[in-house]
Amino acid sequence: MAAASKKTPAVVLDVEGYDVRVTNPDRVYFSERGETKLDLAHYYLSVGPGIVNALRDRPCMLHRFPKGVDGDKVHQKRLPAGAPPWVETVRLHFPRYGLHADELCVQRLADVIWAVQMSTVEFHPWNSRRADTEKPDEWRIDLDPMPECGYDQVRRAAHTAHEILDELGAVGWPKTSGGRGLHIYVRIEPTHGFQDVRRAALAFAREVERRLPDDVTTAWWRRDRAPDDLFVDYNQNARDHTIAAAYSVRGNSRGTVSAPLGWDEIDDALPDDFTIATMPERFARLGDLHAGIDDAVFDIAPLLEWAERDEKAGRDTPPEPEE
């Protein structure tokens, strides 16, 4: 009879005074270099202030990979069963379906590491906070390249977006998507609902399109976009639409990270530069490049004026995507 395989004992991590038990610590999660579940936990520990700053008080959907990123992915809205009593949630309602979900609401680094224990790789927070989940305080500019769009095109759009933000008096905080695109976040006053924030985001996207007509599209339907277009995806500001947080690892074999950048890095940095293998040293050296985001709050009123101008000129606001 073959001998039973020995299971690697769990590891207990002391995370700022909270004990978090990590089971199957040697399970390989990222096949390119062989990083394990425990390596993933140590990555999030290394960028702790950054990931907590990105997630704090926000409803958060979890992308879980119980067998590692080469296995099946679970999109988890509701908090997984078995959470310690100190893990907090926020309740969200979905009137269309008559449902609700109690989503993770990160308050501390131990919450993040517990989610890793539950096989979470990616953290996808809402752009609103639990004080009023229906009033976003974050406007997200998603530069989303179509399959044949080159990264230089993404960079041009980022610089143009930066230019327009400067003209508006808004501060943008760029980061890689962890894939082929770039995100820019702007902190906004939580005084408008999702519909108005999406209208404002569309008006901004159309201004980028006007300045870069050969590079950028705001076409609603994918069939109306060319293979080499860059789509400025304003729909990421719709209710219950989320993208990976700053410092979130992405579910690919390389373990890329959605990495905050300085504007002076846009021309040289490549998305593949930032992985769970390279980010700990970068964070130790630079700290959280988004640390000041809460101190630079923008009023979207000028963008809503742009939206009204566009609508009067006959440009429709496409229907909102379903939750």
Protein backbone atom coordinates (compact mmCIF):
# COMPACT_ATOMS: atom_id res chain seq x y z
CA MET A 1 0.00 0.00 0.00
CA ALA A 2 1.37 3.39 -0.95
CA ALA A 3 2.22 5.66 1.95
CA ALA A 4 -0.22 8.51 2.52
CA SER A 5 1.18 11.83 1.36
CA LYS A 6 2.05 14.20 4.16
CA LYS A 7 0.10 17.43 4.28
CA THR A 8 2.18 20.52 4.98
CA PRO A 9 1.22 21.94 8.37
CA ALA A 10 -0.63 25.24 8.46
CA VAL A 11 1.33 28.41 9.21
CA VAL A 12 0.03 30.96 11.71
CA LEU A 13 0.93 34.55 10.86
CA ASP A 14 0.85 37.32 13.44
CA VAL A 15 -0.67 40.21 11.48
CA GLU A 16 -0.54 43.33 13.65
CA GLY A 17 -1.73 41.38 16.67
CA TYR A 18 -4.24 39.14 14.87
CA ASP A 19 -3.44 35.47 14.31
CA VAL A 20 -4.25 34.33 10.77
CA ARG A 21 -3.90 30.63 9.99
CA VAL A 22 -2.76 29.83 6.44
CA THR A 23 -3.50 26.27 5.36
CA ASN A 24 -1.82 24.56 2.39
CA PRO A 25 0.98 27.15 2.55
CA ASP A 26 3.12 25.39 -0.06
CA ARG A 27 0.38 25.10 -2.70
CA VAL A 28 1.75 26.67 -5.88
CA TYR A 29 -0.40 29.60 -6.95
CA PHE A 30 1.74 31.14 -9.71
CA SER A 31 3.26 28.61 -12.07
CA GLU A 32 5.76 30.82 -13.91
CA ARG A 33 8.11 31.15 -10.94
CA GLY A 34 6.45 28.82 -8.46
CA GLU A 35 5.24 31.24 -5.81
CA THR A 36 2.97 29.62 -3.24
CA LYS A 37 -0.07 30.59 -1.22
CA LEU A 38 2.26 31.57 1.64
CA ASP A 39 4.33 33.68 -0.76
CA LEU A 40 1.10 35.48 -1.73
CA ALA A 41 0.36 36.19 1.92
CA HIS A 42 3.89 37.52 2.41
CA TYR A 43 3.49 39.73 -0.67
CA TYR A 44 0.38 41.38 0.78
CA LEU A 45 2.16 41.79 4.13
CA SER A 46 4.98 43.59 2.31
CA VAL A 47 2.61 46.16 0.76
CA GLY A 48 0.27 46.27 3.73
CA PRO A 49 -0.32 50.04 4.09
CA GLY A 50 -0.90 50.33 0.33
CA ILE A 51 -3.45 47.54 -0.07
CA VAL A 52 -5.33 48.60 3.08
CA ASN A 53 -5.42 52.22 1.85
CA ALA A 54 -6.90 50.99 -1.44
CA LEU A 55 -9.58 48.82 0.21
CA ARG A 56 -10.48 50.43 3.52
CA ASP A 57 -14.24 50.86 4.08
CA ARG A 58 -15.12 49.70 0.56
CA PRO A 59 -17.36 46.76 -0.33
CA CYS A 60 -14.98 44.30 -1.93
CA MET A 61 -15.59 41.45 -4.34
CA LEU A 62 -13.03 38.66 -4.12
CA HIS A 63 -11.55 36.70 -7.00
CA ARG A 64 -10.64 33.36 -5.43
CA PHE A 65 -8.49 30.61 -6.94
CA PRO A 66 -8.73 27.58 -4.64
CA LYS A 67 -6.24 25.54 -6.71
CA GLY A 68 -3.99 28.41 -7.80
CA VAL A 69 -4.38 30.76 -10.75
CA ASP A 70 -4.15 27.99 -13.36
CA GLY A 71 -7.31 26.51 -11.86
CA ASP A 72 -10.90 27.70 -11.73
CA LYS A 73 -11.75 31.22 -10.55
CA VAL A 74 -14.57 31.98 -8.12
CA HIS A 75 -16.14 35.46 -8.18
CA GLN A 76 -17.22 35.93 -4.58
CA LYS A 77 -19.51 38.78 -3.59
CA ARG A 78 -20.57 37.40 -0.23
CA LEU A 79 -18.06 36.95 2.54
CA PRO A 80 -16.85 33.33 2.58
CA ALA A 81 -18.06 31.24 5.51
CA GLY A 82 -15.86 30.81 8.55
CA ALA A 83 -14.66 34.39 8.95
CA PRO A 84 -13.23 35.38 12.34
CA PRO A 85 -15.45 37.72 14.38
CA TRP A 86 -13.17 40.68 13.71
CA VAL A 87 -13.70 40.57 9.91
CA GLU A 88 -16.29 43.20 8.97
CA THR A 89 -18.80 43.35 6.13
CA VAL A 90 -21.06 45.89 4.44
CA ARG A 91 -24.51 44.95 3.15
CA LEU A 92 -25.34 45.78 -0.46
CA HIS A 93 -28.79 45.58 -2.01
CA PHE A 94 -29.64 44.62 -5.58
CA PRO A 95 -33.28 45.71 -6.11
CA ARG A 96 -33.42 44.34 -9.65
CA TYR A 97 -33.13 40.82 -8.26
CA GLY A 98 -34.49 41.35 -4.76
CA LEU A 99 -31.19 40.16 -3.31
CA HIS A 100 -28.51 41.42 -0.97
CA ALA A 101 -24.90 40.54 -0.29
CA ASP A 102 -22.68 41.07 2.74
CA GLU A 103 -19.30 41.86 1.19
CA LEU A 104 -15.90 42.05 2.83
CA CYS A 105 -15.16 45.54 4.13
CA VAL A 106 -11.44 45.75 4.90
CA GLN A 107 -10.44 47.62 8.05
CA ARG A 108 -7.00 46.17 8.70
CA LEU A 109 -4.25 44.14 7.08
CA ALA A 110 -5.36 40.97 8.89
CA ASP A 111 -8.61 41.10 6.87
CA VAL A 112 -6.58 40.96 3.66
CA ILE A 113 -4.44 38.05 4.84
CA TRP A 114 -7.53 36.15 6.00
CA ALA A 115 -8.98 36.62 2.49
CA VAL A 116 -5.73 35.16 1.09
CA GLN A 117 -6.22 32.17 3.39
CA MET A 118 -9.61 31.82 1.69
CA SER A 119 -7.70 31.60 -1.65
CA THR A 120 -8.28 35.23 -2.70
CA VAL A 121 -5.74 36.50 -5.22
CA GLU A 122 -7.51 39.61 -6.58
CA PHE A 123 -9.34 42.31 -4.61
CA HIS A 124 -11.99 44.28 -6.51
CA PRO A 125 -13.41 47.11 -4.37
CA TRP A 126 -16.37 49.35 -5.11
CA ASN A 127 -15.68 53.03 -5.81
CA SER A 128 -17.87 53.98 -2.84
CA ARG A 129 -17.50 53.46 0.90
CA ARG A 130 -19.77 51.96 3.48
CA ALA A 131 -20.79 55.33 4.95
CA ASP A 132 -22.94 55.68 1.80
CA THR A 133 -22.44 52.92 -0.73
CA GLU A 134 -24.66 54.72 -3.27
CA LYS A 135 -22.38 57.81 -3.48
CA PRO A 136 -19.00 57.08 -5.09
CA ASP A 137 -15.95 58.93 -3.83
CA GLU A 138 -13.66 57.61 -6.56
CA TRP A 139 -13.80 58.28 -10.29
CA ARG A 140 -11.98 55.64 -12.30
CA ILE A 141 -10.44 56.21 -15.72
CA ASP A 142 -9.80 52.83 -17.32
CA LEU A 143 -7.57 52.85 -20.41
CA ASP A 144 -8.49 49.49 -21.89
CA PRO A 145 -6.58 48.42 -25.04
CA MET A 146 -8.23 46.29 -27.70
CA PRO A 147 -6.21 43.21 -28.82
CA GLU A 148 -4.02 45.00 -31.41
CA CYS A 149 -3.56 48.25 -29.47
CA GLY A 150 0.07 48.87 -28.55
CA TYR A 151 1.26 50.09 -25.18
CA ASP A 152 2.65 53.32 -26.63
CA GLN A 153 -0.94 54.15 -27.53
CA VAL A 154 -1.96 53.55 -23.92
CA ARG A 155 0.81 55.89 -22.80
CA ARG A 156 -0.32 58.65 -25.17
CA ALA A 157 -3.84 58.41 -23.81
CA ALA A 158 -2.54 58.54 -20.25
CA HIS A 159 -0.59 61.72 -20.96
CA THR A 160 -3.62 63.29 -22.63
CA ALA A 161 -5.82 62.34 -19.69
CA HIS A 162 -3.23 63.88 -17.36
CA GLU A 163 -3.28 67.07 -19.42
CA ILE A 164 -7.07 67.33 -19.20
CA LEU A 165 -7.06 66.60 -15.48
CA ASP A 166 -4.55 69.40 -14.98
CA GLU A 167 -6.81 71.77 -16.90
CA LEU A 168 -9.72 70.77 -14.66
CA GLY A 169 -7.67 71.17 -11.50
CA ALA A 170 -8.04 67.47 -10.67
CA VAL A 171 -5.28 65.21 -9.37
CA GLY A 172 -4.98 61.83 -11.06
CA TRP A 173 -3.30 58.82 -9.48
CA PRO A 174 -2.11 56.35 -12.15
CA LYS A 175 -1.46 52.64 -11.83
CA THR A 176 -0.93 49.71 -14.11
CA SER A 177 -3.96 47.48 -14.50
CA GLY A 178 -1.86 44.37 -14.00
CA GLY A 179 -2.79 43.50 -17.57
CA ARG A 180 -2.19 45.55 -20.72
CA GLY A 181 -3.80 48.81 -19.69
CA LEU A 182 -3.57 51.69 -17.25
CA HIS A 183 -5.96 53.05 -14.65
CA ILE A 184 -6.14 56.58 -13.29
CA TYR A 185 -8.07 57.26 -10.09
CA VAL A 186 -9.42 60.62 -8.97
CA ARG A 187 -10.85 61.17 -5.51
CA ILE A 188 -14.20 62.98 -5.74
CA GLU A 189 -16.75 64.43 -3.34
CA PRO A 190 -19.33 61.73 -2.45
CA THR A 191 -22.28 63.92 -3.40
CA HIS A 192 -23.47 62.24 -6.61
CA GLY A 193 -24.93 58.86 -7.44
CA PHE A 194 -23.47 56.28 -9.79
CA GLN A 195 -25.41 57.55 -12.81
CA ASP A 196 -23.98 61.05 -12.55
CA VAL A 197 -20.44 59.79 -11.92
CA ARG A 198 -20.73 57.55 -14.98
CA ARG A 199 -22.05 60.50 -17.07
CA ALA A 200 -19.09 62.58 -15.89
CA ALA A 201 -16.67 59.77 -16.73
CA LEU A 202 -18.19 59.46 -20.22
CA ALA A 203 -17.86 63.22 -20.81
CA PHE A 204 -14.19 63.03 -19.83
CA ALA A 205 -13.64 59.98 -22.05
CA ARG A 206 -15.15 61.84 -24.99
CA GLU A 207 -12.74 64.72 -24.42
CA VAL A 208 -9.81 62.29 -24.54
CA GLU A 209 -11.32 60.87 -27.74
CA ARG A 210 -11.59 64.36 -29.30
CA ARG A 211 -7.90 64.99 -28.67
CA LEU A 212 -6.74 61.55 -29.81
CA PRO A 213 -9.25 60.56 -32.50
CA ASP A 214 -6.88 58.09 -34.16
CA ASP A 215 -6.09 56.30 -30.90
CA VAL A 216 -9.12 56.41 -28.65
CA THR A 217 -12.75 55.32 -28.81
CA THR A 218 -15.76 55.58 -26.53
CA ALA A 219 -17.87 53.26 -28.69
CA TRP A 220 -20.35 51.40 -26.51
CA TRP A 221 -20.44 48.13 -28.47
CA ARG A 222 -17.28 46.08 -28.88
CA ARG A 223 -18.24 45.40 -32.52
CA ASP A 224 -17.94 49.15 -33.17
CA ARG A 225 -14.34 49.30 -31.97
CA ALA A 226 -11.36 48.65 -34.21
CA PRO A 227 -8.88 45.95 -33.12
CA ASP A 228 -6.23 48.63 -32.50
CA ASP A 229 -8.50 51.03 -30.58
CA LEU A 230 -7.98 52.12 -27.01
CA PHE A 231 -11.32 52.13 -25.21
CA VAL A 232 -11.72 54.61 -22.34
CA ASP A 233 -14.03 52.44 -20.29
CA TYR A 234 -16.33 54.81 -18.42
CA ASN A 235 -18.53 51.83 -17.48
CA GLN A 236 -16.14 51.01 -14.66
CA ASN A 237 -17.97 53.79 -12.80
CA ALA A 238 -21.35 52.03 -13.01
CA ARG A 239 -22.85 50.53 -9.87
CA ASP A 240 -21.33 47.18 -8.88
CA HIS A 241 -18.64 47.36 -11.57
CA THR A 242 -15.23 46.90 -10.09
CA ILE A 243 -11.60 46.68 -11.15
CA ALA A 244 -8.53 45.39 -9.35
CA ALA A 245 -7.34 47.61 -6.52
CA ALA A 246 -3.97 49.27 -6.33
CA TYR A 247 -1.49 46.61 -5.15
CA SER A 248 -3.88 43.77 -6.03
CA VAL A 249 -2.20 40.76 -7.58
CA ARG A 250 -3.80 39.54 -10.80
CA GLY A 251 -4.81 35.98 -11.51
CA ASN A 252 -2.16 35.04 -14.06
CA SER A 253 0.79 32.68 -13.89
CA ARG A 254 3.29 35.55 -13.68
CA GLY A 255 1.62 37.14 -10.66
CA THR A 256 1.51 40.66 -12.07
CA VAL A 257 0.37 43.48 -9.81
CA SER A 258 -1.79 46.55 -10.36
CA ALA A 259 1.03 48.90 -9.43
CA PRO A 260 0.78 52.61 -8.58
CA LEU A 261 3.08 54.75 -10.72
CA GLY A 262 4.48 58.25 -10.65
CA TRP A 263 3.51 60.28 -13.71
CA ASP A 264 7.21 60.48 -14.56
CA GLU A 265 7.30 56.68 -14.89
CA ILE A 266 4.61 56.34 -17.56
CA ASP A 267 7.01 56.46 -20.52
CA ASP A 268 9.39 53.80 -19.25
CA ALA A 269 7.42 51.42 -17.04
CA LEU A 270 5.91 48.25 -18.49
CA PRO A 271 3.07 46.30 -16.88
CA ASP A 272 5.17 43.13 -16.65
CA ASP A 273 7.77 45.00 -14.56
CA PHE A 274 5.49 44.75 -11.53
CA THR A 275 4.97 41.31 -9.97
CA ILE A 276 4.77 39.77 -6.53
CA ALA A 277 8.51 39.13 -6.95
CA THR A 278 9.46 42.78 -7.66
CA MET A 279 6.88 44.87 -5.77
CA PRO A 280 8.05 44.23 -2.18
CA GLU A 281 11.43 45.90 -2.82
CA ARG A 282 9.74 48.74 -4.73
CA PHE A 283 7.27 49.36 -1.91
CA ALA A 284 10.03 49.28 0.71
CA ARG A 285 11.91 51.89 -1.33
CA LEU A 286 9.06 54.18 -2.44
CA GLY A 287 6.22 53.53 -0.03
CA ASP A 288 2.59 53.93 -1.14
CA LEU A 289 2.51 56.22 -4.18
CA HIS A 290 -1.26 56.64 -3.66
CA ALA A 291 -0.92 57.63 0.01
CA GLY A 292 -2.09 61.20 -0.63
CA ILE A 293 -5.18 60.38 -2.68
CA ASP A 294 -7.66 61.28 0.07
CA ASP A 295 -6.19 64.78 0.32
CA ALA A 296 -6.93 65.72 -3.33
CA VAL A 297 -10.72 65.80 -3.70
CA PHE A 298 -12.32 66.99 -6.96
CA ASP A 299 -15.83 68.31 -7.62
CA ILE A 300 -17.21 66.70 -10.81
CA ALA A 301 -19.54 69.64 -11.56
CA PRO A 302 -17.49 70.76 -14.63
CA LEU A 303 -17.70 67.25 -16.08
CA LEU A 304 -21.46 67.17 -15.60
CA GLU A 305 -21.60 70.45 -17.56
CA TRP A 306 -19.61 68.74 -20.32
CA ALA A 307 -22.07 65.84 -20.20
CA GLU A 308 -25.03 68.20 -20.55
CA ARG A 309 -23.31 69.94 -23.48
CA ASP A 310 -22.74 66.62 -25.24
CA GLU A 311 -26.30 65.48 -24.63
CA LYS A 312 -27.71 68.72 -26.02
CA ALA A 313 -25.53 68.20 -29.09
CA GLY A 314 -27.25 64.85 -29.63
CA ARG A 315 -24.73 62.49 -28.09
CA ASP A 316 -26.67 59.91 -26.16
CA THR A 317 -25.61 58.39 -22.88
CA PRO A 318 -25.53 54.63 -23.54
CA PRO A 319 -27.65 52.46 -21.23
CA GLU A 320 -26.01 51.36 -18.03
CA PRO A 321 -24.61 47.83 -17.95
CA GLU A 322 -26.49 45.39 -15.75
CA GLU A 323 -25.31 44.86 -12.19
